[in-house]
Amino acid sequence: MTAVRANLRVAAPDGAGLATDVYLPGDGSTAAPVVVTRTAYDRSAHLHEGLGWAGHGYAFVVQDVRGRYDSDGAWRPYRAERADGAALADWIAAQPWCDGRLVALGGSYSAYTAWTMAVERPALVAGLVSLGPAMGLARVKFDRSGILRLAEHAAWWLERAEARTSRTGIAAAMFAAEPDLLRHLPVAGLPERMWARLERWGDALDDGAPEAVTDAEIARVAAATLHVGGWYDLLVDETLHQWRQTGAAHAPRPPRSLLIGPWEHDLCWSPSTVVGDRDHGPESRVPPGPLLLDWLERALGDRPGDTSARVFVAGAGRWWTGEQWPPETVPSTWYTGAGGTLAREAAGDAADGYRYDPADPYPSADPGADRSALQDRADALRYTAEPLTEPVTIAGAPTVTLHATTTAPGTDFVARLLECRPGGAVLAIAQGAVDTGRGHPPYHIELDHVAVTVPAGARLRLELTSSDFPQLARNLNTGADRYRTAALAAAVQTVHSGRSAPTAVTLPVLETPWTPA
């Protein structure tokens, strides 16, 4: 039996009524722990989830954030969530069906609202589940290089923002009808071409939404936490950052659990084991219901458990488990050389060049896709190693030291680590970028965090180019603002190799490779 009380109105601090649904175990007369979600994507989508929680003895509360669906007010992403979430927590704690323990749960934007509730009401929030957290415009819409994630921002804002309900599917339809739309310049003028009136699309460009949860606040969280991310999710860096930061201000630290799988933003709810041209096999599946129930039972029990990490290693097809991630590794440095070589030792000095024209930028590829069709493009340099004689497991974030110059006043360099398979497929392992306006040579580029085993017989390749479009907004090579100007200029990029100017990629590798069972 489940008691459902839907379409309640919970007052925000300014009196706005926020639409809230409540699911209670049994007849609702017995106090229970409460799982709480605040969503921008329609609380009614959580109906079956609410019934599931109640069926397992937990109360479940889901609320539309301010200005979305049935809640009063106007929604501006990442504003008002602290106060509104705190008001909901206080309301729940005052209900007779709440036993005083709240678990803040959310994915993407809802993970952000879960974090704000945890930092505003630490005495009430006993547990926190963070699923692919989207923690603010600046941290979601820009990659670690500070370059706008153009395609993501355009699609998300068009489908989600500046409306009471989502315009689901409109972005895919728009891009199918106008495949060159994201080439429009200036970038700030894109809303003129998009299929909805978007007056605040530039908020991200203007940093119009302040970061609402600081690292210091995350470090002070004393609740048990579960962090779930995907290797193909744009937000996996945020998941790993929170895993490292949570509870650091406490001694001993509260228990933290980490789960990273071979998933995109839908995480372990993905119906498939395939991402692009990589099939990770049945071992990559993790049923989300048992995962959450098991963690919650431990988190709210007398013995909440120890800190643990469970990480899927692509190429090995199995899970690594331990107390920390990344584990202990040793650095393995590979140097570029003349003739497109990649070797363990730097050789004689050499220089290679390519022409980058932002009018014909190096294109993006889908996550996990075979990139072999792009390997003939002339606007990139490629340095390839000899076939590996034994497997190599990369665990952590590779880094690139890049000695490079440009004829442009300012440009970008994109570094990509590739796995070249004997059959001809070329798969991305990790990538990173640098805006030369934010540094000086040699450039130090942190690539994506990864867990991957490259088998014997495959070749490692370091690819260097100057765009990843439309995933990243193009550098226009003029030295002017890439978002508010439209002039383009081609440039010649030169990469230096050798002992006096060594360009290299350093891999964090396990001493004993993690290979298929």
Protein backbone atom coordinates (compact mmCIF):
# COMPACT_ATOMS: atom_id res chain seq x y z
CA MET A 1 0.00 0.00 0.00
CA THR A 2 1.18 3.52 -0.80
CA ALA A 3 -0.31 6.85 0.23
CA VAL A 4 0.09 9.49 -2.49
CA ARG A 5 -0.51 13.18 -1.89
CA ALA A 6 0.00 14.97 -5.17
CA ASN A 7 -0.19 18.61 -6.22
CA LEU A 8 0.58 20.07 -2.80
CA ARG A 9 1.82 23.65 -2.57
CA VAL A 10 4.87 24.28 -0.39
CA ALA A 11 5.64 27.94 0.22
CA ALA A 12 9.02 29.33 -0.76
CA PRO A 13 10.49 32.07 1.46
CA ASP A 14 8.89 34.77 -0.70
CA GLY A 15 5.50 33.08 -0.63
CA ALA A 16 5.66 31.47 -4.08
CA GLY A 17 3.86 28.14 -4.14
CA LEU A 18 6.07 25.27 -5.30
CA ALA A 19 4.24 22.20 -6.65
CA THR A 20 5.12 19.11 -4.63
CA ASP A 21 4.13 15.44 -4.70
CA VAL A 22 4.53 13.11 -1.72
CA TYR A 23 4.65 9.29 -1.75
CA LEU A 24 4.40 7.56 1.63
CA PRO A 25 4.91 3.91 2.55
CA GLY A 26 1.84 2.06 3.81
CA ASP A 27 -0.97 4.35 4.89
CA GLY A 28 1.45 7.18 5.68
CA SER A 29 1.01 6.92 9.44
CA THR A 30 4.54 5.72 10.23
CA ALA A 31 7.53 8.05 10.15
CA ALA A 32 10.20 7.08 7.62
CA PRO A 33 13.38 8.42 6.02
CA VAL A 34 12.57 10.77 3.14
CA VAL A 35 14.22 10.80 -0.29
CA VAL A 36 13.93 14.28 -1.83
CA THR A 37 14.29 15.45 -5.42
CA ARG A 38 13.77 18.97 -6.76
CA THR A 39 13.57 18.99 -10.55
CA ALA A 40 13.38 21.39 -13.48
CA TYR A 41 12.15 18.60 -15.74
CA ASP A 42 8.61 17.82 -14.47
CA ARG A 43 7.93 16.12 -11.18
CA SER A 44 5.26 13.90 -12.77
CA ALA A 45 8.06 12.02 -14.56
CA HIS A 46 9.02 10.63 -11.13
CA LEU A 47 5.70 8.84 -10.52
CA HIS A 48 7.06 5.30 -10.80
CA GLU A 49 10.18 6.24 -8.86
CA GLY A 50 8.03 7.58 -6.03
CA LEU A 51 5.93 4.42 -5.94
CA GLY A 52 9.12 2.37 -5.92
CA TRP A 53 10.64 4.21 -2.96
CA ALA A 54 7.41 3.97 -0.99
CA GLY A 55 7.18 0.27 -1.77
CA HIS A 56 10.56 -0.20 -0.10
CA GLY A 57 9.68 1.71 3.05
CA TYR A 58 10.92 5.20 2.19
CA ALA A 59 8.92 8.38 1.78
CA PHE A 60 9.60 10.24 -1.47
CA VAL A 61 9.08 13.94 -2.12
CA VAL A 62 9.51 15.52 -5.54
CA GLN A 63 9.08 19.21 -6.30
CA ASP A 64 9.06 21.34 -9.44
CA VAL A 65 11.62 24.11 -9.00
CA ARG A 66 10.45 27.69 -9.11
CA GLY A 67 8.97 28.70 -12.46
CA ARG A 68 8.89 25.21 -13.95
CA TYR A 69 5.78 23.18 -14.71
CA ASP A 70 3.25 23.76 -11.88
CA SER A 71 5.39 25.91 -9.57
CA ASP A 72 4.89 29.65 -9.22
CA GLY A 73 7.48 32.23 -10.20
CA ALA A 74 9.98 32.53 -13.03
CA TRP A 75 12.89 30.13 -13.50
CA ARG A 76 16.40 31.45 -13.98
CA PRO A 77 18.80 28.51 -13.83
CA TYR A 78 20.93 28.30 -10.70
CA ARG A 79 19.12 31.11 -8.88
CA ALA A 80 16.86 30.80 -5.83
CA GLU A 81 17.57 27.09 -5.38
CA ARG A 82 19.31 27.49 -2.03
CA ALA A 83 16.43 29.23 -0.29
CA ASP A 84 13.70 27.22 -2.01
CA GLY A 85 15.40 23.91 -1.23
CA ALA A 86 15.95 24.88 2.40
CA ALA A 87 12.26 25.78 2.73
CA LEU A 88 11.27 22.36 1.37
CA ALA A 89 13.64 20.59 3.77
CA ASP A 90 12.17 22.50 6.72
CA TRP A 91 8.62 21.65 5.59
CA ILE A 92 9.43 17.95 5.27
CA ALA A 93 11.13 17.83 8.68
CA ALA A 94 7.95 19.22 10.27
CA GLN A 95 5.71 16.47 8.83
CA PRO A 96 4.66 13.55 11.04
CA TRP A 97 5.63 11.05 8.31
CA CYS A 98 9.30 12.19 8.37
CA ASP A 99 11.62 10.51 10.87
CA GLY A 100 14.08 13.42 10.68
CA ARG A 101 16.41 11.92 8.07
CA LEU A 102 16.47 13.36 4.57
CA VAL A 103 18.36 12.00 1.56
CA ALA A 104 18.86 14.62 -1.16
CA LEU A 105 18.93 12.89 -4.54
CA GLY A 106 19.27 14.24 -8.04
CA GLY A 107 20.80 13.96 -11.47
CA SER A 108 22.16 16.77 -13.64
CA TYR A 109 20.39 20.00 -12.59
CA SER A 110 18.62 18.12 -9.81
CA ALA A 111 22.02 17.10 -8.44
CA TYR A 112 22.75 20.80 -8.06
CA THR A 113 19.53 21.29 -6.10
CA ALA A 114 20.47 18.30 -3.94
CA TRP A 115 23.83 19.87 -3.12
CA THR A 116 22.26 23.22 -2.23
CA MET A 117 19.87 21.46 0.15
CA ALA A 118 22.75 19.56 1.75
CA VAL A 119 24.83 22.67 2.38
CA GLU A 120 21.87 24.75 3.58
CA ARG A 121 20.40 22.13 5.91
CA PRO A 122 23.30 19.92 7.03
CA ALA A 123 21.51 18.86 10.24
CA LEU A 124 18.64 17.38 8.22
CA VAL A 125 20.38 15.84 5.21
CA ALA A 126 21.79 12.47 6.25
CA GLY A 127 22.65 11.29 2.76
CA LEU A 128 23.27 12.73 -0.68
CA VAL A 129 23.13 11.05 -4.10
CA SER A 130 24.83 13.05 -6.86
CA LEU A 131 24.25 11.74 -10.39
CA GLY A 132 26.16 13.52 -13.15
CA PRO A 133 26.01 16.88 -11.35
CA ALA A 134 25.47 20.10 -13.32
CA MET A 135 26.78 22.63 -10.82
CA GLY A 136 26.42 26.02 -12.53
CA LEU A 137 26.50 27.72 -15.90
CA ALA A 138 30.24 28.40 -15.81
CA ARG A 139 31.04 24.82 -14.75
CA VAL A 140 28.70 23.11 -17.19
CA LYS A 141 28.79 25.29 -20.28
CA PHE A 142 32.58 25.63 -20.48
CA ASP A 143 35.15 22.86 -20.60
CA ARG A 144 38.24 22.87 -18.42
CA SER A 145 40.07 25.08 -20.95
CA GLY A 146 37.47 27.81 -20.51
CA ILE A 147 36.04 27.34 -24.03
CA LEU A 148 32.27 27.31 -24.50
CA ARG A 149 30.68 23.91 -25.12
CA LEU A 150 28.75 25.39 -27.99
CA ALA A 151 26.61 22.46 -29.13
CA GLU A 152 25.63 21.48 -25.59
CA HIS A 153 24.76 25.02 -24.55
CA ALA A 154 22.71 25.69 -27.67
CA ALA A 155 20.75 22.45 -27.41
CA TRP A 156 20.12 22.60 -23.66
CA TRP A 157 19.09 26.24 -23.58
CA LEU A 158 16.74 25.78 -26.53
CA GLU A 159 15.07 22.72 -25.02
CA ARG A 160 15.00 23.66 -21.34
CA ALA A 161 15.48 27.32 -20.55
CA GLU A 162 13.23 30.39 -20.65
CA ALA A 163 10.04 28.34 -20.53
CA ARG A 164 7.75 26.78 -17.96
CA THR A 165 7.89 23.41 -19.74
CA SER A 166 10.63 21.78 -21.82
CA ARG A 167 10.60 21.92 -25.61
CA THR A 168 11.66 18.28 -25.87
CA GLY A 169 13.00 17.31 -29.29
CA ILE A 170 13.16 20.81 -30.76
CA ALA A 171 16.98 20.94 -30.81
CA ALA A 172 17.37 17.71 -32.78
CA ALA A 173 14.73 18.83 -35.25
CA MET A 174 16.36 22.25 -35.66
CA PHE A 175 19.84 20.86 -36.25
CA ALA A 176 18.48 18.30 -38.73
CA ALA A 177 16.76 21.06 -40.68
CA GLU A 178 19.67 23.50 -40.41
CA PRO A 179 22.88 21.45 -40.00
CA ASP A 180 25.12 24.51 -40.40
CA LEU A 181 23.27 26.65 -37.86
CA LEU A 182 26.05 26.53 -35.25
CA ARG A 183 28.43 28.09 -37.79
CA HIS A 184 26.55 31.36 -37.35
CA LEU A 185 28.69 34.26 -36.20
CA PRO A 186 28.86 35.96 -33.89
CA VAL A 187 28.12 33.18 -31.43
CA ALA A 188 26.28 35.65 -29.20
CA GLY A 189 23.83 36.22 -32.06
CA LEU A 190 22.83 32.56 -32.42
CA PRO A 191 19.39 33.07 -30.80
CA GLU A 192 18.43 35.11 -33.86
CA ARG A 193 18.60 31.85 -35.84
CA MET A 194 17.22 29.45 -33.27
CA TRP A 195 13.65 28.21 -33.13
CA ALA A 196 12.56 29.92 -29.92
CA ARG A 197 12.73 33.38 -28.39
CA LEU A 198 15.73 33.19 -26.08
CA GLU A 199 16.48 36.48 -24.37
CA ARG A 200 18.88 35.07 -21.76
CA TRP A 201 20.89 32.67 -23.92
CA GLY A 202 23.93 34.88 -23.33
CA ASP A 203 23.78 34.52 -19.54
CA ALA A 204 26.49 31.86 -19.72
CA LEU A 205 28.71 34.10 -21.86
CA ASP A 206 28.29 36.94 -19.40
CA ASP A 207 28.76 34.70 -16.36
CA GLY A 208 25.32 35.89 -15.35
CA ALA A 209 24.72 33.10 -12.81
CA PRO A 210 27.11 32.98 -9.86
CA GLU A 211 28.43 29.68 -8.60
CA ALA A 212 26.18 28.74 -5.73
CA VAL A 213 28.06 25.83 -4.11
CA THR A 214 31.71 26.36 -3.30
CA ASP A 215 34.44 23.79 -2.83
CA ALA A 216 34.68 24.83 0.82
CA GLU A 217 30.99 24.06 1.31
CA ILE A 218 31.33 20.69 -0.38
CA ALA A 219 34.28 19.92 1.91
CA ARG A 220 32.07 20.65 4.95
CA VAL A 221 29.33 18.20 3.93
CA ALA A 222 29.17 15.56 6.66
CA ALA A 223 26.51 13.35 5.09
CA ALA A 224 27.27 10.02 3.46
CA THR A 225 27.48 10.55 -0.30
CA LEU A 226 27.12 8.48 -3.47
CA HIS A 227 28.74 9.91 -6.62
CA VAL A 228 27.73 8.39 -9.97
CA GLY A 229 29.24 9.43 -13.30
CA GLY A 230 29.90 8.22 -16.82
CA TRP A 231 33.14 8.17 -18.79
CA TYR A 232 31.29 9.62 -21.80
CA ASP A 233 29.42 12.24 -19.76
CA LEU A 234 30.60 15.84 -20.19
CA LEU A 235 30.23 16.22 -16.42
CA VAL A 236 32.43 13.33 -15.30
CA ASP A 237 35.15 15.79 -14.22
CA GLU A 238 32.63 17.37 -11.83
CA THR A 239 31.69 13.96 -10.44
CA LEU A 240 35.33 13.13 -9.75
CA HIS A 241 36.02 16.57 -8.31
CA GLN A 242 33.16 16.24 -5.85
CA TRP A 243 34.31 12.75 -4.94
CA ARG A 244 37.72 14.14 -4.04
CA GLN A 245 36.35 17.20 -2.22
CA THR A 246 33.36 15.93 -0.24
CA GLY A 247 33.86 15.84 3.51
CA ALA A 248 37.51 16.89 3.34
CA ALA A 249 36.99 19.34 6.22
CA HIS A 250 36.10 16.49 8.60
CA ALA A 251 38.29 13.99 10.40
CA PRO A 252 37.43 11.25 9.98
CA ARG A 253 35.80 11.94 6.65
CA PRO A 254 32.24 10.76 6.09
CA PRO A 255 31.82 7.69 3.87
CA ARG A 256 31.87 8.35 0.11
CA SER A 257 31.01 5.91 -2.64
CA LEU A 258 32.04 6.41 -6.27
CA LEU A 259 30.66 4.64 -9.32
CA ILE A 260 31.93 5.53 -12.82
CA GLY A 261 30.76 3.45 -15.75
CA PRO A 262 31.01 3.55 -19.56
CA TRP A 263 27.94 5.73 -19.88
CA GLU A 264 26.81 9.06 -21.26
CA HIS A 265 24.67 11.50 -19.27
CA ASP A 266 21.93 8.91 -18.76
CA LEU A 267 24.43 6.96 -16.64
CA CYS A 268 23.40 3.48 -15.52
CA TRP A 269 19.85 4.08 -16.78
CA SER A 270 21.17 3.63 -20.32
CA PRO A 271 19.36 0.78 -22.11
CA SER A 272 22.48 -0.20 -24.09
CA THR A 273 26.06 -1.28 -23.47
CA VAL A 274 27.17 0.40 -26.72
CA VAL A 275 28.53 3.94 -26.97
CA GLY A 276 29.42 4.91 -30.53
CA ASP A 277 31.55 2.06 -31.87
CA ARG A 278 32.54 0.71 -28.47
CA ASP A 279 30.56 -2.17 -26.97
CA HIS A 280 31.43 -2.49 -23.30
CA GLY A 281 29.66 -5.79 -22.80
CA PRO A 282 27.13 -7.06 -20.27
CA GLU A 283 29.49 -6.54 -17.32
CA SER A 284 29.08 -2.78 -17.77
CA ARG A 285 25.42 -2.88 -16.73
CA VAL A 286 24.52 -1.76 -13.21
CA PRO A 287 20.81 -1.93 -12.26
CA PRO A 288 20.10 1.46 -10.70
CA GLY A 289 17.34 0.36 -8.33
CA PRO A 290 19.37 -2.19 -6.36
CA LEU A 291 22.37 0.18 -6.44
CA LEU A 292 20.43 3.00 -4.77
CA LEU A 293 18.58 0.79 -2.30
CA ASP A 294 21.76 -0.97 -1.16
CA TRP A 295 23.63 2.30 -0.74
CA LEU A 296 20.75 3.94 1.12
CA GLU A 297 20.39 1.03 3.52
CA ARG A 298 24.07 1.30 4.38
CA ALA A 299 24.13 5.11 4.49
CA LEU A 300 21.26 5.32 6.97
CA GLY A 301 22.27 2.28 8.99
CA ASP A 302 24.39 2.04 12.10
CA ARG A 303 27.41 1.17 9.95
CA PRO A 304 27.29 3.37 6.86
CA GLY A 305 30.28 1.67 5.31
CA ASP A 306 33.71 2.75 4.21
CA THR A 307 34.79 4.95 1.36
CA SER A 308 34.89 2.94 -1.84
CA ALA A 309 35.36 3.41 -5.57
CA ARG A 310 34.05 1.19 -8.35
CA VAL A 311 35.23 2.11 -11.83
CA PHE A 312 34.69 0.37 -15.16
CA VAL A 313 37.86 -0.12 -17.21
CA ALA A 314 37.14 0.05 -20.94
CA GLY A 315 39.12 -2.47 -22.95
CA ALA A 316 39.30 -4.77 -19.94
CA GLY A 317 35.54 -5.17 -19.79
CA ARG A 318 35.43 -5.34 -16.02
CA TRP A 319 35.26 -3.24 -12.88
CA TRP A 320 38.12 -1.99 -10.73
CA THR A 321 37.36 -1.55 -7.03
CA GLY A 322 39.35 0.08 -4.28
CA GLU A 323 39.39 2.79 -1.65
CA GLN A 324 40.54 5.63 -3.90
CA TRP A 325 40.45 6.74 -7.49
CA PRO A 326 42.65 7.11 -9.34
CA PRO A 327 44.82 4.36 -7.88
CA GLU A 328 48.58 4.51 -7.64
CA THR A 329 50.06 4.85 -11.11
CA VAL A 330 53.43 5.44 -12.71
CA PRO A 331 54.03 8.10 -15.36
CA SER A 332 54.71 6.92 -18.91
CA THR A 333 55.87 9.72 -21.19
CA TRP A 334 55.77 9.52 -24.99
CA TYR A 335 57.54 12.13 -27.12
CA THR A 336 56.61 13.40 -30.57
CA GLY A 337 59.27 13.25 -33.23
CA ALA A 338 60.11 13.87 -36.87
CA GLY A 339 58.07 11.92 -39.38
CA GLY A 340 55.06 11.62 -37.09
CA THR A 341 56.66 9.29 -34.57
CA LEU A 342 55.68 8.85 -30.94
CA ALA A 343 58.38 7.23 -28.81
CA ARG A 344 59.48 6.79 -25.20
CA GLU A 345 62.53 9.02 -25.68
CA ALA A 346 62.89 12.44 -27.26
CA ALA A 347 64.95 12.49 -30.46
CA GLY A 348 66.46 15.26 -32.54
CA ASP A 349 64.78 18.62 -32.88
CA ALA A 350 62.03 18.92 -35.49
CA ALA A 351 59.10 21.16 -36.39
CA ASP A 352 55.84 20.24 -38.10
CA GLY A 353 53.05 22.53 -39.20
CA TYR A 354 49.48 22.66 -40.39
CA ARG A 355 47.05 25.34 -41.49
CA TYR A 356 44.02 26.00 -39.33
CA ASP A 357 41.12 27.81 -40.96
CA PRO A 358 38.13 28.48 -38.67
CA ALA A 359 35.96 28.64 -41.80
CA ASP A 360 36.58 24.87 -42.12
CA PRO A 361 37.14 23.74 -38.52
CA TYR A 362 38.21 20.23 -37.53
CA PRO A 363 34.89 18.49 -36.79
CA SER A 364 33.66 16.85 -33.63
CA ALA A 365 32.73 13.17 -33.50
CA ASP A 366 30.13 11.42 -31.39
CA PRO A 367 31.31 9.82 -28.14
CA GLY A 368 32.91 6.44 -28.72
CA ALA A 369 32.79 6.82 -32.51
CA ASP A 370 35.39 5.41 -34.90
CA ARG A 371 37.43 8.43 -36.00
CA SER A 372 39.29 6.74 -38.85
CA ALA A 373 37.45 8.81 -41.49
CA LEU A 374 38.96 11.98 -39.98
CA GLN A 375 42.56 10.79 -40.05
CA ASP A 376 43.22 12.12 -43.56
CA ARG A 377 42.38 15.72 -42.75
CA ALA A 378 45.31 18.03 -43.32
CA ASP A 379 44.48 20.44 -40.50
CA ALA A 380 46.03 18.22 -37.84
CA LEU A 381 49.32 16.60 -36.92
CA ARG A 382 49.46 12.97 -35.88
CA TYR A 383 52.23 11.20 -34.01
CA THR A 384 51.91 7.43 -33.87
CA ALA A 385 53.77 4.87 -31.75
CA GLU A 386 54.89 1.41 -32.74
CA PRO A 387 52.44 -1.40 -31.87
CA LEU A 388 52.32 -2.08 -28.14
CA THR A 389 54.08 -5.28 -27.12
CA GLU A 390 51.95 -5.60 -24.00
CA PRO A 391 48.69 -4.08 -22.74
CA VAL A 392 48.70 -0.65 -21.11
CA THR A 393 46.08 0.48 -18.59
CA ILE A 394 45.65 4.25 -18.34
CA ALA A 395 44.01 5.28 -15.06
CA GLY A 396 43.58 8.99 -14.46
CA ALA A 397 44.12 12.12 -16.54
CA PRO A 398 46.88 12.13 -19.19
CA THR A 399 48.66 15.43 -19.72
CA VAL A 400 50.24 16.98 -22.79
CA THR A 401 53.20 19.33 -22.79
CA LEU A 402 52.93 21.27 -26.04
CA HIS A 403 55.68 23.38 -27.55
CA ALA A 404 53.82 25.22 -30.28
CA THR A 405 53.59 28.59 -31.99
CA THR A 406 51.02 30.24 -34.22
CA THR A 407 50.92 33.05 -36.75
CA ALA A 408 47.60 34.18 -35.26
CA PRO A 409 47.23 36.74 -32.44
CA GLY A 410 45.43 33.99 -30.54
CA THR A 411 44.31 30.45 -31.30
CA ASP A 412 43.40 27.10 -29.76
CA PHE A 413 45.21 23.80 -29.69
CA VAL A 414 43.29 20.57 -29.18
CA ALA A 415 45.20 17.47 -28.09
CA ARG A 416 43.63 14.06 -28.49
CA LEU A 417 44.99 10.67 -27.42
CA LEU A 418 43.84 7.90 -29.77
CA GLU A 419 43.88 4.12 -29.87
CA CYS A 420 44.62 2.80 -33.36
CA ARG A 421 43.43 -0.78 -33.65
CA PRO A 422 44.99 -3.34 -35.99
CA GLY A 423 41.76 -3.60 -37.99
CA GLY A 424 41.82 0.12 -38.82
CA ALA A 425 39.43 1.58 -36.26
CA VAL A 426 40.63 4.72 -34.46
CA LEU A 427 38.99 5.42 -31.11
CA ALA A 428 39.43 8.41 -28.84
CA ILE A 429 40.82 7.78 -25.38
CA ALA A 430 40.99 11.35 -24.04
CA GLN A 431 41.26 14.92 -25.19
CA GLY A 432 41.85 18.43 -23.92
CA ALA A 433 42.28 21.94 -25.26
CA VAL A 434 44.08 25.19 -24.57
CA ASP A 435 43.30 28.77 -25.55
CA THR A 436 46.67 30.44 -26.17
CA GLY A 437 45.22 33.68 -24.85
CA ARG A 438 45.09 32.07 -21.41
CA GLY A 439 48.71 30.93 -21.27
CA HIS A 440 52.08 30.79 -22.96
CA PRO A 441 54.25 28.03 -24.43
CA PRO A 442 54.94 25.40 -23.43
CA TYR A 443 51.25 24.76 -22.94
CA HIS A 444 50.19 22.21 -20.36
CA ILE A 445 46.95 20.50 -21.36
CA GLU A 446 45.08 18.19 -19.01
CA LEU A 447 43.14 15.56 -20.93
CA ASP A 448 39.98 13.76 -19.84
CA HIS A 449 40.03 11.40 -16.89
CA VAL A 450 39.90 7.85 -18.19
CA ALA A 451 40.10 4.20 -17.25
CA VAL A 452 41.04 2.20 -20.33
CA THR A 453 43.22 -0.74 -21.26
CA VAL A 454 44.86 -0.50 -24.68
CA PRO A 455 45.66 -4.03 -25.87
CA ALA A 456 48.92 -5.35 -27.23
CA GLY A 457 49.12 -4.81 -30.97
CA ALA A 458 47.30 -1.47 -30.88
CA ARG A 459 49.12 1.80 -31.46
CA LEU A 460 48.92 4.98 -29.40
CA ARG A 461 48.51 8.20 -31.38
CA LEU A 462 48.68 11.83 -30.30
CA GLU A 463 46.64 14.07 -32.58
CA LEU A 464 47.09 17.84 -32.45
CA THR A 465 44.67 20.21 -34.15
CA SER A 466 42.98 23.53 -33.42
CA SER A 467 39.25 22.93 -33.15
CA ASP A 468 36.62 20.46 -32.02
CA PHE A 469 33.59 22.00 -33.68
CA PRO A 470 30.74 22.26 -32.83
CA GLN A 471 31.41 20.70 -29.44
CA LEU A 472 33.67 23.67 -28.68
CA ALA A 473 33.21 27.18 -30.03
CA ARG A 474 35.85 28.01 -32.65
CA ASN A 475 38.74 30.33 -32.02
CA LEU A 476 38.49 32.86 -34.86
CA ASN A 477 42.27 33.48 -34.89
CA THR A 478 41.90 37.29 -34.70
CA GLY A 479 42.67 37.82 -31.03
CA ALA A 480 39.19 39.33 -30.61
CA ASP A 481 36.29 37.97 -28.55
CA ARG A 482 35.31 34.65 -30.17
CA TYR A 483 31.72 35.01 -28.99
CA ARG A 484 30.93 38.57 -30.08
CA THR A 485 32.85 39.04 -33.32
CA ALA A 486 32.52 37.49 -36.76
CA ALA A 487 35.79 38.09 -38.59
CA LEU A 488 37.84 34.96 -39.40
CA ALA A 489 41.51 34.47 -40.19
CA ALA A 490 43.51 31.39 -41.15
CA ALA A 491 46.76 30.66 -39.31
CA VAL A 492 49.77 28.39 -39.56
CA GLN A 493 50.40 26.33 -36.45
CA THR A 494 53.84 24.91 -35.71
CA VAL A 495 54.54 22.11 -33.24
CA HIS A 496 58.08 21.58 -32.01
CA SER A 497 59.61 18.26 -31.02
CA GLY A 498 62.98 17.09 -29.74
CA ARG A 499 65.21 17.49 -26.76
CA SER A 500 65.26 21.31 -26.74
CA ALA A 501 61.46 21.70 -27.09
CA PRO A 502 59.91 18.33 -26.22
CA THR A 503 56.23 17.97 -27.01
CA ALA A 504 54.98 14.92 -25.15
CA VAL A 505 52.01 13.13 -23.64
CA THR A 506 52.34 11.63 -20.16
CA LEU A 507 50.08 8.75 -19.27
CA PRO A 508 49.24 7.62 -15.72
CA VAL A 509 49.50 3.84 -16.07
CA LEU A 510 49.03 0.90 -13.76
CA GLU A 511 52.19 -1.08 -13.12
CA THR A 512 50.18 -4.24 -13.70
CA PRO A 513 47.74 -3.80 -16.60
CA TRP A 514 44.05 -4.42 -15.89
CA THR A 515 43.17 -6.91 -18.60
CA PRO A 516 40.07 -8.94 -19.50
CA ALA A 517 39.33 -11.70 -17.02
